[in-house]
Every structure is written in structure tokens, then in C-alpha cells.
PDB file of N, CA and C in Angstrom:
ATOM      1  N   MET A   1     -20.691  20.275  15.962  1.00  0.00           N
ATOM      2  CA  MET A   1     -19.669  19.668  16.748  1.00  0.00           C
ATOM      3  C   MET A   1     -18.711  18.943  15.805  1.00  0.00           C
ATOM      4  N   ALA A   2     -17.418  19.029  16.082  1.00  0.00           N
ATOM      5  CA  ALA A   2     -16.404  18.405  15.244  1.00  0.00           C
ATOM      6  C   ALA A   2     -16.409  16.891  15.442  1.00  0.00           C
ATOM      7  N   PRO A   3     -16.191  16.155  14.360  1.00  0.00           N
ATOM      8  CA  PRO A   3     -16.170  14.703  14.499  1.00  0.00           C
ATOM      9  C   PRO A   3     -14.952  14.238  15.294  1.00  0.00           C
ATOM     10  N   ASN A   4     -15.114  13.141  15.997  1.00  0.00           N
ATOM     11  CA  ASN A   4     -14.030  12.577  16.788  1.00  0.00           C
ATOM     12  C   ASN A   4     -13.060  11.866  15.852  1.00  0.00           C
ATOM     13  N   PRO A   5     -11.760  12.234  15.852  1.00  0.00           N
ATOM     14  CA  PRO A   5     -10.827  11.598  14.933  1.00  0.00           C
ATOM     15  C   PRO A   5     -10.606  10.117  15.239  1.00  0.00           C
ATOM     16  N   GLY A   6     -10.952   9.654  16.421  1.00  0.00           N
ATOM     17  CA  GLY A   6     -10.788   8.260  16.779  1.00  0.00           C
ATOM     18  C   GLY A   6     -11.866   7.371  16.205  1.00  0.00           C
ATOM     19  N   ASN A   7     -12.940   7.941  15.696  1.00  0.00           N
ATOM     20  CA  ASN A   7     -14.048   7.165  15.154  1.00  0.00           C
ATOM     21  C   ASN A   7     -14.060   7.222  13.635  1.00  0.00           C
ATOM     22  N   GLY A   8     -12.986   6.765  13.013  1.00  0.00           N
ATOM     23  CA  GLY A   8     -12.886   6.779  11.562  1.00  0.00           C
ATOM     24  C   GLY A   8     -13.712   5.671  10.948  1.00  0.00           C
ATOM     25  N   SER A   9     -13.787   5.699   9.666  1.00  0.00           N
ATOM     26  CA  SER A   9     -14.527   4.678   8.936  1.00  0.00           C
ATOM     27  C   SER A   9     -13.835   3.333   9.075  1.00  0.00           C
ATOM     28  N   LYS A  10     -14.611   2.290   9.176  1.00  0.00           N
ATOM     29  CA  LYS A  10     -14.032   0.954   9.301  1.00  0.00           C
ATOM     30  C   LYS A  10     -13.507   0.444   7.974  1.00  0.00           C
ATOM     31  N   THR A  11     -13.959   1.011   6.877  1.00  0.00           N
ATOM     32  CA  THR A  11     -13.491   0.571   5.566  1.00  0.00           C
ATOM     33  C   THR A  11     -12.302   1.376   5.063  1.00  0.00           C
ATOM     34  N   ALA A  12     -11.932   2.438   5.742  1.00  0.00           N
ATOM     35  CA  ALA A  12     -10.835   3.286   5.284  1.00  0.00           C
ATOM     36  C   ALA A  12      -9.515   2.531   5.152  1.00  0.00           C
ATOM     37  N   PRO A  13      -9.115   1.679   6.111  1.00  0.00           N
ATOM     38  CA  PRO A  13      -7.853   0.946   5.915  1.00  0.00           C
ATOM     39  C   PRO A  13      -7.899   0.017   4.705  1.00  0.00           C
ATOM     40  N   ALA A  14      -9.021  -0.635   4.481  1.00  0.00           N
ATOM     41  CA  ALA A  14      -9.128  -1.539   3.333  1.00  0.00           C
ATOM     42  C   ALA A  14      -9.053  -0.765   2.021  1.00  0.00           C
ATOM     43  N   VAL A  15      -9.680   0.385   1.979  1.00  0.00           N
ATOM     44  CA  VAL A  15      -9.646   1.209   0.764  1.00  0.00           C
ATOM     45  C   VAL A  15      -8.229   1.718   0.518  1.00  0.00           C
ATOM     46  N   LEU A  16      -7.554   2.123   1.563  1.00  0.00           N
ATOM     47  CA  LEU A  16      -6.192   2.631   1.431  1.00  0.00           C
ATOM     48  C   LEU A  16      -5.244   1.540   0.934  1.00  0.00           C
ATOM     49  N   VAL A  17      -5.334   0.369   1.528  1.00  0.00           N
ATOM     50  CA  VAL A  17      -4.473  -0.740   1.112  1.00  0.00           C
ATOM     51  C   VAL A  17      -4.823  -1.190  -0.310  1.00  0.00           C
ATOM     52  N   ALA A  18      -6.104  -1.214  -0.636  1.00  0.00           N
ATOM     53  CA  ALA A  18      -6.515  -1.593  -1.991  1.00  0.00           C
ATOM     54  C   ALA A  18      -5.987  -0.605  -3.026  1.00  0.00           C
ATOM     55  N   SER A  19      -5.964   0.672  -2.686  1.00  0.00           N
ATOM     56  CA  SER A  19      -5.440   1.654  -3.635  1.00  0.00           C
ATOM     57  C   SER A  19      -3.934   1.497  -3.832  1.00  0.00           C
ATOM     58  N   VAL A  20      -3.204   1.145  -2.772  1.00  0.00           N
ATOM     59  CA  VAL A  20      -1.769   0.905  -2.915  1.00  0.00           C
ATOM     60  C   VAL A  20      -1.528  -0.337  -3.780  1.00  0.00           C
ATOM     61  N   LEU A  21      -2.329  -1.381  -3.581  1.00  0.00           N
ATOM     62  CA  LEU A  21      -2.193  -2.596  -4.391  1.00  0.00           C
ATOM     63  C   LEU A  21      -2.566  -2.337  -5.853  1.00  0.00           C
ATOM     64  N   ALA A  22      -3.577  -1.520  -6.075  1.00  0.00           N
ATOM     65  CA  ALA A  22      -3.941  -1.162  -7.448  1.00  0.00           C
ATOM     66  C   ALA A  22      -2.811  -0.373  -8.103  1.00  0.00           C
ATOM     67  N   GLY A  23      -2.166   0.499  -7.357  1.00  0.00           N
ATOM     68  CA  GLY A  23      -1.018   1.236  -7.877  1.00  0.00           C
ATOM     69  C   GLY A  23       0.129   0.306  -8.224  1.00  0.00           C
ATOM     70  N   ALA A  24       0.339  -0.726  -7.407  1.00  0.00           N
ATOM     71  CA  ALA A  24       1.394  -1.702  -7.693  1.00  0.00           C
ATOM     72  C   ALA A  24       1.084  -2.466  -8.976  1.00  0.00           C
ATOM     73  N   ALA A  25      -0.174  -2.823  -9.167  1.00  0.00           N
ATOM     74  CA  ALA A  25      -0.565  -3.514 -10.396  1.00  0.00           C
ATOM     75  C   ALA A  25      -0.372  -2.601 -11.603  1.00  0.00           C
ATOM     76  N   PHE A  26      -0.703  -1.332 -11.450  1.00  0.00           N
ATOM     77  CA  PHE A  26      -0.529  -0.363 -12.535  1.00  0.00           C
ATOM     78  C   PHE A  26       0.949  -0.218 -12.898  1.00  0.00           C
ATOM     79  N   VAL A  27       1.822  -0.166 -11.898  1.00  0.00           N
ATOM     80  CA  VAL A  27       3.262  -0.058 -12.146  1.00  0.00           C
ATOM     81  C   VAL A  27       3.761  -1.295 -12.882  1.00  0.00           C
ATOM     82  N   ALA A  28       3.278  -2.478 -12.489  1.00  0.00           N
ATOM     83  CA  ALA A  28       3.701  -3.709 -13.162  1.00  0.00           C
ATOM     84  C   ALA A  28       3.227  -3.742 -14.616  1.00  0.00           C
ATOM     85  N   ILE A  29       2.011  -3.273 -14.863  1.00  0.00           N
ATOM     86  CA  ILE A  29       1.493  -3.241 -16.232  1.00  0.00           C
ATOM     87  C   ILE A  29       2.289  -2.264 -17.092  1.00  0.00           C
ATOM     88  N   ILE A  30       2.580  -1.100 -16.544  1.00  0.00           N
ATOM     89  CA  ILE A  30       3.387  -0.117 -17.274  1.00  0.00           C
ATOM     90  C   ILE A  30       4.768  -0.687 -17.574  1.00  0.00           C
ATOM     91  N   GLY A  31       5.358  -1.383 -16.593  1.00  0.00           N
ATOM     92  CA  GLY A  31       6.668  -1.989 -16.812  1.00  0.00           C
ATOM     93  C   GLY A  31       6.655  -3.046 -17.895  1.00  0.00           C
ATOM     94  N   THR A  32       5.549  -3.747 -18.010  1.00  0.00           N
ATOM     95  CA  THR A  32       5.435  -4.769 -19.043  1.00  0.00           C
ATOM     96  C   THR A  32       5.283  -4.142 -20.429  1.00  0.00           C
ATOM     97  N   LEU A  33       4.499  -3.099 -20.526  1.00  0.00           N
ATOM     98  CA  LEU A  33       4.186  -2.502 -21.824  1.00  0.00           C
ATOM     99  C   LEU A  33       5.198  -1.468 -22.312  1.00  0.00           C
ATOM    100  N   LEU A  34       5.945  -0.860 -21.417  1.00  0.00           N
ATOM    101  CA  LEU A  34       6.800   0.271 -21.773  1.00  0.00           C
ATOM    102  C   LEU A  34       7.853  -0.037 -22.849  1.00  0.00           C
ATOM    103  N   PRO A  35       8.609  -1.100 -22.736  1.00  0.00           N
ATOM    104  CA  PRO A  35       9.625  -1.331 -23.791  1.00  0.00           C
ATOM    105  C   PRO A  35       9.012  -1.501 -25.177  1.00  0.00           C
ATOM    106  N   GLY A  36       7.888  -2.161 -25.266  1.00  0.00           N
ATOM    107  CA  GLY A  36       7.250  -2.339 -26.576  1.00  0.00           C
ATOM    108  C   GLY A  36       6.662  -1.050 -27.115  1.00  0.00           C
ATOM    109  N   LEU A  37       6.153  -0.209 -26.213  1.00  0.00           N
ATOM    110  CA  LEU A  37       5.539   1.049 -26.652  1.00  0.00           C
ATOM    111  C   LEU A  37       6.559   2.044 -27.187  1.00  0.00           C
ATOM    112  N   ILE A  38       7.736   2.075 -26.580  1.00  0.00           N
ATOM    113  CA  ILE A  38       8.719   3.061 -27.031  1.00  0.00           C
ATOM    114  C   ILE A  38       9.788   2.447 -27.924  1.00  0.00           C
ATOM    115  N   GLY A  39       9.659   1.141 -28.227  1.00  0.00           N
ATOM    116  CA  GLY A  39      10.542   0.514 -29.200  1.00  0.00           C
ATOM    117  C   GLY A  39      11.927   0.186 -28.705  1.00  0.00           C
ATOM    118  N   ILE A  40      12.077  -0.103 -27.438  1.00  0.00           N
ATOM    119  CA  ILE A  40      13.387  -0.452 -26.898  1.00  0.00           C
ATOM    120  C   ILE A  40      13.638  -1.933 -27.140  1.00  0.00           C
ATOM    121  N   THR A  41      14.847  -2.244 -27.555  1.00  0.00           N
ATOM    122  CA  THR A  41      15.245  -3.638 -27.741  1.00  0.00           C
ATOM    123  C   THR A  41      16.566  -3.868 -27.017  1.00  0.00           C
ATOM    124  N   GLY A  42      16.968  -5.108 -26.930  1.00  0.00           N
ATOM    125  CA  GLY A  42      18.246  -5.437 -26.317  1.00  0.00           C
ATOM    126  C   GLY A  42      18.146  -5.566 -24.814  1.00  0.00           C
ATOM    127  N   ALA A  43      19.257  -5.245 -24.164  1.00  0.00           N
ATOM    128  CA  ALA A  43      19.347  -5.404 -22.701  1.00  0.00           C
ATOM    129  C   ALA A  43      18.391  -4.480 -21.960  1.00  0.00           C
ATOM    130  N   ALA A  44      18.191  -3.297 -22.475  1.00  0.00           N
ATOM    131  CA  ALA A  44      17.285  -2.347 -21.806  1.00  0.00           C
ATOM    132  C   ALA A  44      15.857  -2.864 -21.779  1.00  0.00           C
ATOM    133  N   ALA A  45      15.473  -3.610 -22.799  1.00  0.00           N
ATOM    134  CA  ALA A  45      14.121  -4.173 -22.839  1.00  0.00           C
ATOM    135  C   ALA A  45      13.943  -5.257 -21.798  1.00  0.00           C
ATOM    136  N   ILE A  46      15.036  -5.770 -21.267  1.00  0.00           N
ATOM    137  CA  ILE A  46      14.963  -6.780 -20.216  1.00  0.00           C
ATOM    138  C   ILE A  46      14.976  -6.143 -18.833  1.00  0.00           C
ATOM    139  N   TRP A  47      15.874  -5.185 -18.580  1.00  0.00           N
ATOM    140  CA  TRP A  47      15.992  -4.664 -17.224  1.00  0.00           C
ATOM    141  C   TRP A  47      14.955  -3.614 -16.874  1.00  0.00           C
ATOM    142  N   ILE A  48      14.380  -2.926 -17.843  1.00  0.00           N
ATOM    143  CA  ILE A  48      13.332  -1.936 -17.519  1.00  0.00           C
ATOM    144  C   ILE A  48      12.119  -2.614 -16.873  1.00  0.00           C
ATOM    145  N   PRO A  49      11.578  -3.706 -17.425  1.00  0.00           N
ATOM    146  CA  PRO A  49      10.475  -4.373 -16.719  1.00  0.00           C
ATOM    147  C   PRO A  49      10.877  -4.923 -15.356  1.00  0.00           C
ATOM    148  N   ILE A  50      12.114  -5.402 -15.239  1.00  0.00           N
ATOM    149  CA  ILE A  50      12.569  -5.929 -13.949  1.00  0.00           C
ATOM    150  C   ILE A  50      12.569  -4.837 -12.891  1.00  0.00           C
ATOM    151  N   VAL A  51      13.003  -3.647 -13.258  1.00  0.00           N
ATOM    152  CA  VAL A  51      12.990  -2.525 -12.314  1.00  0.00           C
ATOM    153  C   VAL A  51      11.552  -2.167 -11.929  1.00  0.00           C
ATOM    154  N   PHE A  52      10.660  -2.138 -12.899  1.00  0.00           N
ATOM    155  CA  PHE A  52       9.261  -1.839 -12.599  1.00  0.00           C
ATOM    156  C   PHE A  52       8.641  -2.917 -11.717  1.00  0.00           C
ATOM    157  N   TYR A  53       8.988  -4.190 -11.973  1.00  0.00           N
ATOM    158  CA  TYR A  53       8.465  -5.273 -11.143  1.00  0.00           C
ATOM    159  C   TYR A  53       8.996  -5.172  -9.720  1.00  0.00           C
ATOM    160  N   ALA A  54      10.253  -4.766  -9.562  1.00  0.00           N
ATOM    161  CA  ALA A  54      10.816  -4.593  -8.228  1.00  0.00           C
ATOM    162  C   ALA A  54      10.091  -3.475  -7.473  1.00  0.00           C
ATOM    163  N   VAL A  55       9.759  -2.408  -8.182  1.00  0.00           N
ATOM    164  CA  VAL A  55       8.999  -1.319  -7.554  1.00  0.00           C
ATOM    165  C   VAL A  55       7.603  -1.799  -7.171  1.00  0.00           C
ATOM    166  N   ALA A  56       6.989  -2.617  -8.019  1.00  0.00           N
ATOM    167  CA  ALA A  56       5.666  -3.155  -7.712  1.00  0.00           C
ATOM    168  C   ALA A  56       5.717  -4.075  -6.498  1.00  0.00           C
ATOM    169  N   VAL A  57       6.752  -4.885  -6.395  1.00  0.00           N
ATOM    170  CA  VAL A  57       6.902  -5.748  -5.215  1.00  0.00           C
ATOM    171  C   VAL A  57       7.098  -4.906  -3.963  1.00  0.00           C
ATOM    172  N   ALA A  58       7.877  -3.841  -4.074  1.00  0.00           N
ATOM    173  CA  ALA A  58       8.053  -2.942  -2.932  1.00  0.00           C
ATOM    174  C   ALA A  58       6.721  -2.303  -2.535  1.00  0.00           C
ATOM    175  N   ASP A  59       5.905  -1.939  -3.508  1.00  0.00           N
ATOM    176  CA  ASP A  59       4.579  -1.385  -3.210  1.00  0.00           C
ATOM    177  C   ASP A  59       3.699  -2.401  -2.480  1.00  0.00           C
ATOM    178  N   VAL A  60       3.760  -3.651  -2.892  1.00  0.00           N
ATOM    179  CA  VAL A  60       2.974  -4.693  -2.223  1.00  0.00           C
ATOM    180  C   VAL A  60       3.457  -4.869  -0.787  1.00  0.00           C
ATOM    181  N   LEU A  61       4.775  -4.842  -0.578  1.00  0.00           N
ATOM    182  CA  LEU A  61       5.304  -4.951   0.781  1.00  0.00           C
ATOM    183  C   LEU A  61       4.879  -3.769   1.641  1.00  0.00           C
ATOM    184  N   VAL A  62       4.858  -2.580   1.071  1.00  0.00           N
ATOM    185  CA  VAL A  62       4.383  -1.406   1.801  1.00  0.00           C
ATOM    186  C   VAL A  62       2.899  -1.564   2.142  1.00  0.00           C
ATOM    187  N   ALA A  63       2.116  -2.089   1.219  1.00  0.00           N
ATOM    188  CA  ALA A  63       0.690  -2.296   1.477  1.00  0.00           C
ATOM    189  C   ALA A  63       0.482  -3.297   2.598  1.00  0.00           C
ATOM    190  N   LEU A  64       1.255  -4.381   2.600  1.00  0.00           N
ATOM    191  CA  LEU A  64       1.132  -5.365   3.676  1.00  0.00           C
ATOM    192  C   LEU A  64       1.546  -4.782   5.019  1.00  0.00           C
ATOM    193  N   TRP A  65       2.624  -4.000   5.023  1.00  0.00           N
ATOM    194  CA  TRP A  65       3.060  -3.341   6.256  1.00  0.00           C
ATOM    195  C   TRP A  65       1.997  -2.364   6.747  1.00  0.00           C
ATOM    196  N   LEU A  66       1.441  -1.610   5.824  1.00  0.00           N
ATOM    197  CA  LEU A  66       0.411  -0.637   6.186  1.00  0.00           C
ATOM    198  C   LEU A  66      -0.832  -1.330   6.724  1.00  0.00           C
ATOM    199  N   TRP A  67      -1.231  -2.429   6.098  1.00  0.00           N
ATOM    200  CA  TRP A  67      -2.398  -3.182   6.559  1.00  0.00           C
ATOM    201  C   TRP A  67      -2.186  -3.673   7.990  1.00  0.00           C
ATOM    202  N   ARG A  68      -0.990  -4.214   8.247  1.00  0.00           N
ATOM    203  CA  ARG A  68      -0.705  -4.705   9.592  1.00  0.00           C
ATOM    204  C   ARG A  68      -0.667  -3.567  10.609  1.00  0.00           C
ATOM    205  N   LYS A  69      -0.078  -2.450  10.239  1.00  0.00           N
ATOM    206  CA  LYS A  69       0.011  -1.294  11.140  1.00  0.00           C
ATOM    207  C   LYS A  69      -1.378  -0.743  11.448  1.00  0.00           C
ATOM    208  N   LEU A  70      -2.218  -0.608  10.427  1.00  0.00           N
ATOM    209  CA  LEU A  70      -3.570  -0.101  10.647  1.00  0.00           C
ATOM    210  C   LEU A  70      -4.402  -1.090  11.449  1.00  0.00           C
ATOM    211  N   LYS A  71      -4.165  -2.376  11.249  1.00  0.00           N
ATOM    212  CA  LYS A  71      -4.894  -3.397  12.004  1.00  0.00           C
ATOM    213  C   LYS A  71      -4.546  -3.323  13.489  1.00  0.00           C
ATOM    214  N   THR A  72      -3.264  -3.131  13.806  1.00  0.00           N
ATOM    215  CA  THR A  72      -2.874  -3.030  15.209  1.00  0.00           C
ATOM    216  C   THR A  72      -3.348  -1.716  15.831  1.00  0.00           C
ATOM    217  N   MET A  73      -3.445  -0.663  15.034  1.00  0.00           N
ATOM    218  CA  MET A  73      -3.942   0.605  15.561  1.00  0.00           C
ATOM    219  C   MET A  73      -5.431   0.542  15.857  1.00  0.00           C
ATOM    220  N   ARG A  74      -6.172  -0.275  15.122  1.00  0.00           N
ATOM    221  CA  ARG A  74      -7.611  -0.381  15.308  1.00  0.00           C
ATOM    222  C   ARG A  74      -7.982  -1.228  16.514  1.00  0.00           C
ATOM    223  N   GLN A  75      -7.083  -2.114  16.945  1.00  0.00           N
ATOM    224  CA  GLN A  75      -7.385  -2.971  18.081  1.00  0.00           C
ATOM    225  C   GLN A  75      -7.366  -2.159  19.364  1.00  0.00           C
ATOM    226  N   PRO A  76      -8.286  -2.468  20.278  1.00  0.00           N
ATOM    227  CA  PRO A  76      -8.292  -1.741  21.542  1.00  0.00           C
ATOM    228  C   PRO A  76      -7.041  -2.056  22.359  1.00  0.00           C
ATOM    229  N   SER A  77      -6.661  -1.105  23.151  1.00  0.00           N
ATOM    230  CA  SER A  77      -5.465  -1.257  23.969  1.00  0.00           C
ATOM    231  C   SER A  77      -5.698  -2.313  25.043  1.00  0.00           C
ATOM    232  N   GLN A  78      -4.693  -3.113  25.307  1.00  0.00           N
ATOM    233  CA  GLN A  78      -4.790  -4.151  26.330  1.00  0.00           C
ATOM    234  C   GLN A  78      -4.493  -3.597  27.719  1.00  0.00           C
ATOM    235  N   GLN A  79      -3.920  -2.407  27.802  1.00  0.00           N
ATOM    236  CA  GLN A  79      -3.498  -1.865  29.083  1.00  0.00           C
ATOM    237  C   GLN A  79      -4.639  -1.213  29.839  1.00  0.00           C
ATOM    238  N   GLY A  80      -5.405  -0.378  29.191  1.00  0.00           N
ATOM    239  CA  GLY A  80      -6.451   0.366  29.873  1.00  0.00           C
ATOM    240  C   GLY A  80      -7.817  -0.251  29.655  1.00  0.00           C
ATOM    241  N   SER A  81      -8.689  -0.075  30.633  1.00  0.00           N
ATOM    242  CA  SER A  81     -10.031  -0.625  30.483  1.00  0.00           C
ATOM    243  C   SER A  81     -11.069   0.473  30.295  1.00  0.00           C
ATOM    244  N   GLY A  82     -10.661   1.720  30.375  1.00  0.00           N
ATOM    245  CA  GLY A  82     -11.602   2.820  30.242  1.00  0.00           C
ATOM    246  C   GLY A  82     -11.149   3.779  29.163  1.00  0.00           C
ATOM    247  N   PRO A  83     -11.866   4.894  29.028  1.00  0.00           N
ATOM    248  CA  PRO A  83     -11.520   5.852  27.980  1.00  0.00           C
ATOM    249  C   PRO A  83     -10.235   6.627  28.267  1.00  0.00           C
ATOM    250  N   VAL A  84      -9.798   6.652  29.545  1.00  0.00           N
ATOM    251  CA  VAL A  84      -8.581   7.373  29.901  1.00  0.00           C
ATOM    252  C   VAL A  84      -7.427   6.397  29.916  1.00  0.00           C
ATOM    253  N   GLN A  85      -6.390   6.711  29.177  1.00  0.00           N
ATOM    254  CA  GLN A  85      -5.203   5.863  29.156  1.00  0.00           C
ATOM    255  C   GLN A  85      -4.033   6.679  29.635  1.00  0.00           C
ATOM    256  N   ARG A  86      -3.377   6.205  30.645  1.00  0.00           N
ATOM    257  CA  ARG A  86      -2.228   6.911  31.221  1.00  0.00           C
ATOM    258  C   ARG A  86      -0.949   6.298  30.694  1.00  0.00           C
ATOM    259  N   ARG A  87       0.054   7.144  30.548  1.00  0.00           N
ATOM    260  CA  ARG A  87       1.350   6.650  30.049  1.00  0.00           C
ATOM    261  C   ARG A  87       2.374   6.707  31.148  1.00  0.00           C
TER     262      ARG A  87
END
């Protein structure tokens, strides 16, 4: 019998959000190290990390949005009291 798609793992949202946050940390680390690794100096050595940090902040905002969206999807509906929900 096929598994019910409504009965997903309870840890899946946390794992998904944690992976997005880990990706944001990785982007920030790369942004910090990149100018020194490739030998860039001057103005480019300043704005390249800033761009990477902005992308990392955007990733964190996406993770927070995703966490909130998944949290609201996991909550039971307030409208219906049974398994059948009419629209």
C-alpha cells in the first residue's frame, strides 16, 4: 500500500530549514575567504564579501519564511472537525 502523503516525517521541516541555514553559513564563509584566496585587493575585496553576506541574509530570510509556512501547514485546520474538508 502506498504511504499517505499527509503523514510526513515530523522532523522533515526542521531538517529542511537547517539545511538552508547551513547553506547560508557556507555562502557567508565563502564570501569571507574568497578575496584572500584569489588575491583580490582594493574595492572588489570589499564589495565581494558584502554581496555574499547579502545572499546569506536572503537565505536566512527564506529559511524563516519556509519554517513559518511549514509550521502553518502542519497545524490542523480550524474549519473542519473531521477527515473531510469541504471548500
